[in-house]
Amino acid sequence: MKRFFLTALLSLAFAFSGLNAQNASTRLQKQHDVTKFMKAHLSSSIEMIARALEDRQFNMRLSALQTTRQLEQLFPEESFNRLVQPLIKIINDNNIETETRVLAAITLDQLHSDTGDEAIFQAAKNCENPTMKNFCRAITRVPEESFANVSQVK
């Protein structure tokens, strides 16, 4: 009888820990309480970030990229569609520093956009910069020899 109760108790503990994990917040959400003010001003923040992504200053773009990544973690339910095209422009611009382009690819990948995924795939297939090309190939998880036969992201 004791064995039955112990087994039942352990089973319940595992079941409730799984339920708790599904409802748990991200680390960033726990560290930074999302306020009503932040939620109310998210759309204007996204618009300012989009403008900063189009800025020619290195530090401005890097700050905007980092902020986008943090906001995506704080507001995972948001789409951030407004930022997809500026990120694609950064990825495709050969005049922008490789570090910025790589961070833009990471950010775009985290936004889970079909358009963004296709842009990363195209960069992996056609980019002239070998570092950027290899990095995008790693993100798309498509082996190098497959790029000759594949026309789009699966």
N, C-alpha and C. Protein backbone atom coordinates (compact mmCIF):
# COMPACT_ATOMS: atom_id res chain seq x y z
N MET A 1 0.83 -1.19 0.00
CA MET A 1 0.00 0.00 0.00
C MET A 1 0.87 1.26 0.00
N LYS A 2 1.95 1.21 0.82
CA LYS A 2 2.85 2.36 0.86
C LYS A 2 3.51 2.56 -0.51
N ARG A 3 3.85 1.46 -1.14
CA ARG A 3 4.48 1.54 -2.46
C ARG A 3 3.53 2.19 -3.46
N PHE A 4 2.24 1.86 -3.39
CA PHE A 4 1.24 2.44 -4.28
C PHE A 4 1.16 3.95 -4.07
N PHE A 5 1.06 4.39 -2.82
CA PHE A 5 0.97 5.82 -2.53
C PHE A 5 2.24 6.57 -2.95
N LEU A 6 3.37 5.95 -2.74
CA LEU A 6 4.63 6.57 -3.14
C LEU A 6 4.70 6.72 -4.66
N THR A 7 4.29 5.67 -5.37
CA THR A 7 4.27 5.72 -6.83
C THR A 7 3.29 6.78 -7.32
N ALA A 8 2.12 6.84 -6.72
CA ALA A 8 1.12 7.84 -7.10
C ALA A 8 1.63 9.25 -6.83
N LEU A 9 2.27 9.44 -5.69
CA LEU A 9 2.80 10.75 -5.33
C LEU A 9 3.88 11.20 -6.32
N LEU A 10 4.79 10.30 -6.67
CA LEU A 10 5.84 10.62 -7.64
C LEU A 10 5.24 10.91 -9.02
N SER A 11 4.24 10.14 -9.40
CA SER A 11 3.59 10.38 -10.70
C SER A 11 2.95 11.76 -10.74
N LEU A 12 2.28 12.14 -9.66
CA LEU A 12 1.66 13.47 -9.60
C LEU A 12 2.71 14.57 -9.64
N ALA A 13 3.82 14.35 -8.95
CA ALA A 13 4.89 15.35 -8.94
C ALA A 13 5.43 15.56 -10.35
N PHE A 14 5.65 14.48 -11.08
CA PHE A 14 6.14 14.61 -12.46
C PHE A 14 5.11 15.29 -13.35
N ALA A 15 3.84 14.94 -13.17
CA ALA A 15 2.78 15.54 -14.00
C ALA A 15 2.69 17.04 -13.77
N PHE A 16 2.71 17.46 -12.52
CA PHE A 16 2.59 18.89 -12.22
C PHE A 16 3.84 19.66 -12.62
N SER A 17 5.00 19.04 -12.55
CA SER A 17 6.21 19.74 -12.98
C SER A 17 6.17 19.98 -14.49
N GLY A 18 5.62 19.06 -15.25
CA GLY A 18 5.47 19.24 -16.69
C GLY A 18 4.48 20.34 -17.02
N LEU A 19 3.38 20.40 -16.29
CA LEU A 19 2.41 21.47 -16.50
C LEU A 19 3.00 22.82 -16.17
N ASN A 20 3.77 22.88 -15.10
CA ASN A 20 4.40 24.13 -14.71
C ASN A 20 5.40 24.60 -15.76
N ALA A 21 6.13 23.67 -16.35
CA ALA A 21 7.12 24.03 -17.37
C ALA A 21 6.45 24.63 -18.60
N GLN A 22 5.26 24.15 -18.95
CA GLN A 22 4.55 24.69 -20.11
C GLN A 22 4.11 26.13 -19.88
N ASN A 23 3.80 26.47 -18.66
CA ASN A 23 3.32 27.81 -18.35
C ASN A 23 4.42 28.74 -17.87
N ALA A 24 5.63 28.25 -17.78
CA ALA A 24 6.73 29.06 -17.26
C ALA A 24 7.12 30.16 -18.24
N SER A 25 7.57 31.25 -17.70
CA SER A 25 8.02 32.38 -18.51
C SER A 25 9.46 32.15 -18.94
N THR A 26 9.87 32.92 -19.94
CA THR A 26 11.27 32.86 -20.35
C THR A 26 12.12 33.51 -19.29
N ARG A 27 13.42 33.24 -19.35
CA ARG A 27 14.35 33.83 -18.38
C ARG A 27 14.26 35.35 -18.44
N LEU A 28 14.20 35.89 -19.64
CA LEU A 28 14.15 37.33 -19.80
C LEU A 28 12.85 37.91 -19.24
N GLN A 29 11.74 37.19 -19.43
CA GLN A 29 10.47 37.66 -18.88
C GLN A 29 10.51 37.68 -17.35
N LYS A 30 11.18 36.72 -16.75
CA LYS A 30 11.27 36.69 -15.30
C LYS A 30 12.15 37.82 -14.78
N GLN A 31 13.24 38.12 -15.51
CA GLN A 31 14.15 39.17 -15.08
C GLN A 31 13.54 40.56 -15.24
N HIS A 32 12.77 40.74 -16.30
CA HIS A 32 12.21 42.06 -16.61
C HIS A 32 10.70 41.92 -16.69
N ASP A 33 10.02 42.33 -15.65
CA ASP A 33 8.57 42.26 -15.66
C ASP A 33 8.02 43.10 -16.80
N VAL A 34 7.20 42.49 -17.64
CA VAL A 34 6.58 43.20 -18.74
C VAL A 34 5.44 44.03 -18.16
N THR A 35 5.55 45.34 -18.32
CA THR A 35 4.55 46.24 -17.76
C THR A 35 3.51 46.59 -18.82
N LYS A 36 2.40 47.15 -18.37
CA LYS A 36 1.37 47.62 -19.30
C LYS A 36 1.93 48.73 -20.19
N PHE A 37 2.81 49.54 -19.63
CA PHE A 37 3.43 50.62 -20.40
C PHE A 37 4.24 50.05 -21.55
N MET A 38 5.04 49.02 -21.26
CA MET A 38 5.85 48.40 -22.31
C MET A 38 4.97 47.81 -23.40
N LYS A 39 3.92 47.13 -22.99
CA LYS A 39 2.99 46.51 -23.94
C LYS A 39 2.29 47.57 -24.79
N ALA A 40 1.90 48.67 -24.15
CA ALA A 40 1.19 49.74 -24.86
C ALA A 40 2.08 50.45 -25.88
N HIS A 41 3.36 50.53 -25.61
CA HIS A 41 4.28 51.26 -26.49
C HIS A 41 5.11 50.34 -27.39
N LEU A 42 4.74 49.08 -27.45
CA LEU A 42 5.51 48.13 -28.25
C LEU A 42 5.50 48.49 -29.73
N SER A 43 4.35 48.88 -30.27
CA SER A 43 4.29 49.18 -31.70
C SER A 43 5.15 50.39 -32.06
N SER A 44 5.17 51.42 -31.21
CA SER A 44 6.03 52.57 -31.50
C SER A 44 7.51 52.19 -31.33
N SER A 45 7.80 51.31 -30.40
CA SER A 45 9.18 50.84 -30.23
C SER A 45 9.64 50.06 -31.47
N ILE A 46 8.77 49.23 -31.99
CA ILE A 46 9.10 48.46 -33.19
C ILE A 46 9.36 49.40 -34.36
N GLU A 47 8.56 50.45 -34.48
CA GLU A 47 8.76 51.42 -35.56
C GLU A 47 10.11 52.12 -35.43
N MET A 48 10.48 52.49 -34.22
CA MET A 48 11.79 53.14 -34.00
C MET A 48 12.94 52.16 -34.29
N ILE A 49 12.76 50.91 -33.93
CA ILE A 49 13.78 49.90 -34.22
C ILE A 49 13.93 49.72 -35.73
N ALA A 50 12.81 49.72 -36.45
CA ALA A 50 12.87 49.58 -37.91
C ALA A 50 13.68 50.71 -38.52
N ARG A 51 13.48 51.93 -38.03
CA ARG A 51 14.26 53.07 -38.53
C ARG A 51 15.74 52.92 -38.17
N ALA A 52 16.01 52.44 -36.97
CA ALA A 52 17.40 52.26 -36.54
C ALA A 52 18.10 51.17 -37.36
N LEU A 53 17.36 50.15 -37.78
CA LEU A 53 17.94 49.10 -38.61
C LEU A 53 18.36 49.64 -39.98
N GLU A 54 17.68 50.68 -40.43
CA GLU A 54 18.00 51.27 -41.73
C GLU A 54 19.06 52.36 -41.63
N ASP A 55 19.48 52.67 -40.42
CA ASP A 55 20.52 53.69 -40.20
C ASP A 55 21.86 53.16 -40.70
N ARG A 56 22.74 54.04 -41.13
CA ARG A 56 24.04 53.63 -41.66
C ARG A 56 25.10 53.48 -40.56
N GLN A 57 24.79 53.90 -39.34
CA GLN A 57 25.77 53.80 -38.26
C GLN A 57 25.81 52.38 -37.71
N PHE A 58 27.02 51.87 -37.60
CA PHE A 58 27.27 50.51 -37.13
C PHE A 58 26.63 50.26 -35.76
N ASN A 59 26.91 51.13 -34.80
CA ASN A 59 26.40 50.93 -33.43
C ASN A 59 24.89 51.03 -33.34
N MET A 60 24.30 51.89 -34.15
CA MET A 60 22.84 52.03 -34.15
C MET A 60 22.18 50.73 -34.62
N ARG A 61 22.71 50.16 -35.69
CA ARG A 61 22.14 48.90 -36.20
C ARG A 61 22.34 47.77 -35.20
N LEU A 62 23.54 47.68 -34.61
CA LEU A 62 23.78 46.61 -33.64
C LEU A 62 22.85 46.72 -32.43
N SER A 63 22.64 47.93 -31.95
CA SER A 63 21.71 48.14 -30.82
C SER A 63 20.30 47.73 -31.20
N ALA A 64 19.89 48.09 -32.40
CA ALA A 64 18.55 47.73 -32.87
C ALA A 64 18.40 46.22 -32.99
N LEU A 65 19.43 45.56 -33.46
CA LEU A 65 19.39 44.10 -33.59
C LEU A 65 19.28 43.43 -32.22
N GLN A 66 20.09 43.88 -31.27
CA GLN A 66 20.04 43.31 -29.92
C GLN A 66 18.69 43.58 -29.26
N THR A 67 18.17 44.78 -29.44
CA THR A 67 16.87 45.14 -28.86
C THR A 67 15.77 44.27 -29.45
N THR A 68 15.84 44.02 -30.75
CA THR A 68 14.85 43.16 -31.41
C THR A 68 14.88 41.76 -30.80
N ARG A 69 16.07 41.22 -30.61
CA ARG A 69 16.19 39.88 -30.03
C ARG A 69 15.61 39.84 -28.61
N GLN A 70 15.86 40.89 -27.82
CA GLN A 70 15.34 40.93 -26.46
C GLN A 70 13.82 41.09 -26.46
N LEU A 71 13.30 41.94 -27.33
CA LEU A 71 11.85 42.13 -27.39
C LEU A 71 11.16 40.84 -27.84
N GLU A 72 11.78 40.11 -28.74
CA GLU A 72 11.18 38.86 -29.19
C GLU A 72 11.09 37.87 -28.03
N GLN A 73 12.05 37.90 -27.13
CA GLN A 73 12.01 37.02 -25.96
C GLN A 73 10.99 37.51 -24.94
N LEU A 74 10.84 38.82 -24.81
CA LEU A 74 9.87 39.37 -23.86
C LEU A 74 8.44 39.23 -24.35
N PHE A 75 8.25 39.34 -25.67
CA PHE A 75 6.92 39.28 -26.27
C PHE A 75 6.88 38.20 -27.35
N PRO A 76 6.98 36.93 -26.97
CA PRO A 76 7.04 35.87 -27.98
C PRO A 76 5.76 35.75 -28.81
N GLU A 77 4.66 36.30 -28.32
CA GLU A 77 3.39 36.22 -29.05
C GLU A 77 3.28 37.26 -30.16
N GLU A 78 4.17 38.25 -30.17
CA GLU A 78 4.14 39.30 -31.19
C GLU A 78 4.78 38.79 -32.49
N SER A 79 4.35 39.37 -33.61
CA SER A 79 4.86 38.88 -34.90
C SER A 79 6.12 39.60 -35.37
N PHE A 80 6.30 40.86 -35.05
CA PHE A 80 7.45 41.66 -35.47
C PHE A 80 7.63 41.67 -36.99
N ASN A 81 6.52 41.56 -37.73
CA ASN A 81 6.59 41.55 -39.19
C ASN A 81 7.19 42.82 -39.76
N ARG A 82 7.01 43.94 -39.08
CA ARG A 82 7.53 45.22 -39.55
C ARG A 82 9.06 45.20 -39.67
N LEU A 83 9.72 44.34 -38.93
CA LEU A 83 11.18 44.31 -38.90
C LEU A 83 11.79 43.33 -39.91
N VAL A 84 10.97 42.51 -40.53
CA VAL A 84 11.49 41.48 -41.43
C VAL A 84 12.20 42.08 -42.63
N GLN A 85 11.57 43.03 -43.32
CA GLN A 85 12.19 43.62 -44.52
C GLN A 85 13.49 44.37 -44.22
N PRO A 86 13.54 45.20 -43.16
CA PRO A 86 14.83 45.84 -42.85
C PRO A 86 15.94 44.82 -42.53
N LEU A 87 15.58 43.72 -41.88
CA LEU A 87 16.57 42.68 -41.58
C LEU A 87 17.05 42.00 -42.87
N ILE A 88 16.14 41.76 -43.79
CA ILE A 88 16.50 41.16 -45.07
C ILE A 88 17.44 42.08 -45.84
N LYS A 89 17.16 43.39 -45.80
CA LYS A 89 18.04 44.35 -46.48
C LYS A 89 19.46 44.29 -45.91
N ILE A 90 19.57 44.17 -44.59
CA ILE A 90 20.89 44.08 -43.96
C ILE A 90 21.61 42.81 -44.42
N ILE A 91 20.90 41.70 -44.43
CA ILE A 91 21.51 40.43 -44.82
C ILE A 91 22.03 40.49 -46.26
N ASN A 92 21.29 41.15 -47.13
CA ASN A 92 21.64 41.17 -48.56
C ASN A 92 22.61 42.28 -48.95
N ASP A 93 22.90 43.20 -48.06
CA ASP A 93 23.76 44.35 -48.39
C ASP A 93 25.23 43.98 -48.18
N ASN A 94 25.97 43.84 -49.27
CA ASN A 94 27.39 43.47 -49.18
C ASN A 94 28.26 44.58 -48.62
N ASN A 95 27.74 45.80 -48.52
CA ASN A 95 28.52 46.93 -48.00
C ASN A 95 28.46 47.02 -46.47
N ILE A 96 27.58 46.25 -45.86
CA ILE A 96 27.44 46.26 -44.40
C ILE A 96 28.41 45.24 -43.81
N GLU A 97 28.93 45.56 -42.63
CA GLU A 97 29.90 44.70 -41.95
C GLU A 97 29.34 43.28 -41.79
N THR A 98 30.22 42.31 -41.91
CA THR A 98 29.82 40.90 -41.79
C THR A 98 29.21 40.61 -40.43
N GLU A 99 29.77 41.20 -39.36
CA GLU A 99 29.24 40.96 -38.01
C GLU A 99 27.77 41.37 -37.92
N THR A 100 27.45 42.52 -38.50
CA THR A 100 26.08 43.02 -38.47
C THR A 100 25.17 42.11 -39.27
N ARG A 101 25.64 41.66 -40.41
CA ARG A 101 24.83 40.79 -41.26
C ARG A 101 24.56 39.45 -40.59
N VAL A 102 25.57 38.91 -39.90
CA VAL A 102 25.39 37.64 -39.19
C VAL A 102 24.38 37.81 -38.06
N LEU A 103 24.51 38.88 -37.30
CA LEU A 103 23.55 39.13 -36.21
C LEU A 103 22.15 39.35 -36.77
N ALA A 104 22.04 40.00 -37.92
CA ALA A 104 20.73 40.18 -38.55
C ALA A 104 20.13 38.84 -38.96
N ALA A 105 20.96 37.92 -39.44
CA ALA A 105 20.48 36.59 -39.81
C ALA A 105 19.99 35.82 -38.58
N ILE A 106 20.73 35.93 -37.48
CA ILE A 106 20.31 35.28 -36.24
C ILE A 106 18.97 35.85 -35.78
N THR A 107 18.87 37.17 -35.80
CA THR A 107 17.64 37.84 -35.37
C THR A 107 16.47 37.44 -36.25
N LEU A 108 16.69 37.45 -37.55
CA LEU A 108 15.63 37.08 -38.49
C LEU A 108 15.19 35.64 -38.28
N ASP A 109 16.13 34.76 -38.02
CA ASP A 109 15.80 33.36 -37.76
C ASP A 109 14.94 33.23 -36.50
N GLN A 110 15.23 34.03 -35.48
CA GLN A 110 14.47 33.96 -34.23
C GLN A 110 13.05 34.50 -34.38
N LEU A 111 12.79 35.30 -35.41
CA LEU A 111 11.44 35.85 -35.60
C LEU A 111 10.49 34.84 -36.23
N HIS A 112 11.00 33.72 -36.71
CA HIS A 112 10.18 32.62 -37.26
C HIS A 112 9.23 33.11 -38.35
N SER A 113 9.79 33.82 -39.32
CA SER A 113 9.01 34.33 -40.44
C SER A 113 9.35 33.52 -41.68
N ASP A 114 8.33 33.11 -42.43
CA ASP A 114 8.58 32.36 -43.66
C ASP A 114 9.38 33.19 -44.66
N THR A 115 9.04 34.48 -44.76
CA THR A 115 9.77 35.37 -45.66
C THR A 115 11.23 35.48 -45.21
N GLY A 116 11.44 35.62 -43.92
CA GLY A 116 12.79 35.70 -43.39
C GLY A 116 13.57 34.42 -43.60
N ASP A 117 12.91 33.28 -43.40
CA ASP A 117 13.58 31.99 -43.61
C ASP A 117 14.01 31.84 -45.07
N GLU A 118 13.15 32.28 -45.98
CA GLU A 118 13.49 32.21 -47.41
C GLU A 118 14.68 33.12 -47.72
N ALA A 119 14.72 34.30 -47.11
CA ALA A 119 15.84 35.23 -47.34
C ALA A 119 17.15 34.64 -46.82
N ILE A 120 17.10 33.98 -45.67
CA ILE A 120 18.30 33.33 -45.13
C ILE A 120 18.75 32.20 -46.06
N PHE A 121 17.78 31.46 -46.56
CA PHE A 121 18.09 30.37 -47.49
C PHE A 121 18.75 30.91 -48.76
N GLN A 122 18.19 32.00 -49.30
CA GLN A 122 18.76 32.59 -50.52
C GLN A 122 20.17 33.13 -50.27
N ALA A 123 20.39 33.70 -49.09
CA ALA A 123 21.73 34.17 -48.75
C ALA A 123 22.70 33.00 -48.65
N ALA A 124 22.23 31.90 -48.10
CA ALA A 124 23.07 30.70 -48.00
C ALA A 124 23.42 30.16 -49.38
N LYS A 125 22.52 30.36 -50.30
CA LYS A 125 22.71 29.84 -51.65
C LYS A 125 23.54 30.78 -52.53
N ASN A 126 23.33 32.10 -52.39
CA ASN A 126 23.87 33.05 -53.36
C ASN A 126 24.84 34.09 -52.82
N CYS A 127 25.04 34.16 -51.53
CA CYS A 127 25.85 35.24 -50.95
C CYS A 127 27.30 35.17 -51.43
N GLU A 128 27.89 36.34 -51.70
CA GLU A 128 29.28 36.40 -52.15
C GLU A 128 30.27 36.30 -50.99
N ASN A 129 29.85 36.74 -49.81
CA ASN A 129 30.71 36.71 -48.63
C ASN A 129 30.74 35.28 -48.08
N PRO A 130 31.91 34.62 -48.07
CA PRO A 130 31.96 33.22 -47.64
C PRO A 130 31.56 33.01 -46.18
N THR A 131 31.90 33.96 -45.31
CA THR A 131 31.52 33.83 -43.90
C THR A 131 30.01 33.86 -43.76
N MET A 132 29.39 34.83 -44.40
CA MET A 132 27.93 34.97 -44.35
C MET A 132 27.25 33.77 -44.99
N LYS A 133 27.78 33.33 -46.10
CA LYS A 133 27.21 32.19 -46.82
C LYS A 133 27.23 30.93 -45.94
N ASN A 134 28.37 30.66 -45.32
CA ASN A 134 28.49 29.47 -44.46
C ASN A 134 27.61 29.59 -43.23
N PHE A 135 27.52 30.79 -42.68
CA PHE A 135 26.68 30.97 -41.50
C PHE A 135 25.21 30.73 -41.84
N CYS A 136 24.76 31.28 -42.95
CA CYS A 136 23.36 31.08 -43.36
C CYS A 136 23.09 29.61 -43.68
N ARG A 137 24.07 28.92 -44.23
CA ARG A 137 23.92 27.48 -44.47
C ARG A 137 23.75 26.74 -43.15
N ALA A 138 24.49 27.16 -42.15
CA ALA A 138 24.36 26.52 -40.83
C ALA A 138 22.97 26.77 -40.24
N ILE A 139 22.46 27.99 -40.41
CA ILE A 139 21.13 28.30 -39.88
C ILE A 139 20.05 27.49 -40.59
N THR A 140 20.16 27.37 -41.91
CA THR A 140 19.13 26.64 -42.67
C THR A 140 19.22 25.14 -42.48
N ARG A 141 20.37 24.67 -41.98
CA ARG A 141 20.59 23.25 -41.72
C ARG A 141 20.47 22.39 -42.98
N VAL A 142 20.82 22.97 -44.12
CA VAL A 142 20.82 22.22 -45.37
C VAL A 142 22.27 21.97 -45.75
N PRO A 143 22.65 20.72 -46.01
CA PRO A 143 24.04 20.43 -46.37
C PRO A 143 24.46 21.17 -47.64
N GLU A 144 25.72 21.54 -47.71
CA GLU A 144 26.23 22.34 -48.83
C GLU A 144 25.94 21.72 -50.18
N GLU A 145 26.12 20.42 -50.30
CA GLU A 145 25.90 19.77 -51.59
C GLU A 145 24.44 19.78 -52.02
N SER A 146 23.53 20.02 -51.09
CA SER A 146 22.11 20.03 -51.42
C SER A 146 21.66 21.34 -52.06
N PHE A 147 22.44 22.40 -51.95
CA PHE A 147 22.01 23.69 -52.46
C PHE A 147 21.86 23.71 -53.98
N ALA A 148 22.55 22.85 -54.68
CA ALA A 148 22.42 22.81 -56.13
C ALA A 148 21.07 22.24 -56.54
N ASN A 149 20.47 21.40 -55.70
CA ASN A 149 19.23 20.72 -56.06
C ASN A 149 17.99 21.28 -55.40
N VAL A 150 18.16 22.15 -54.42
CA VAL A 150 17.03 22.64 -53.64
C VAL A 150 16.68 24.05 -54.10
N SER A 151 15.39 24.31 -54.32
CA SER A 151 14.99 25.63 -54.79
C SER A 151 14.38 26.50 -53.70
N GLN A 152 13.95 25.91 -52.61
CA GLN A 152 13.38 26.71 -51.53
C GLN A 152 13.52 26.00 -50.20
N VAL A 153 13.22 26.75 -49.12
CA VAL A 153 13.31 26.19 -47.77
C VAL A 153 12.21 25.16 -47.59
N LYS A 154 12.55 24.06 -46.94
CA LYS A 154 11.54 23.03 -46.68
C LYS A 154 10.94 23.24 -45.33
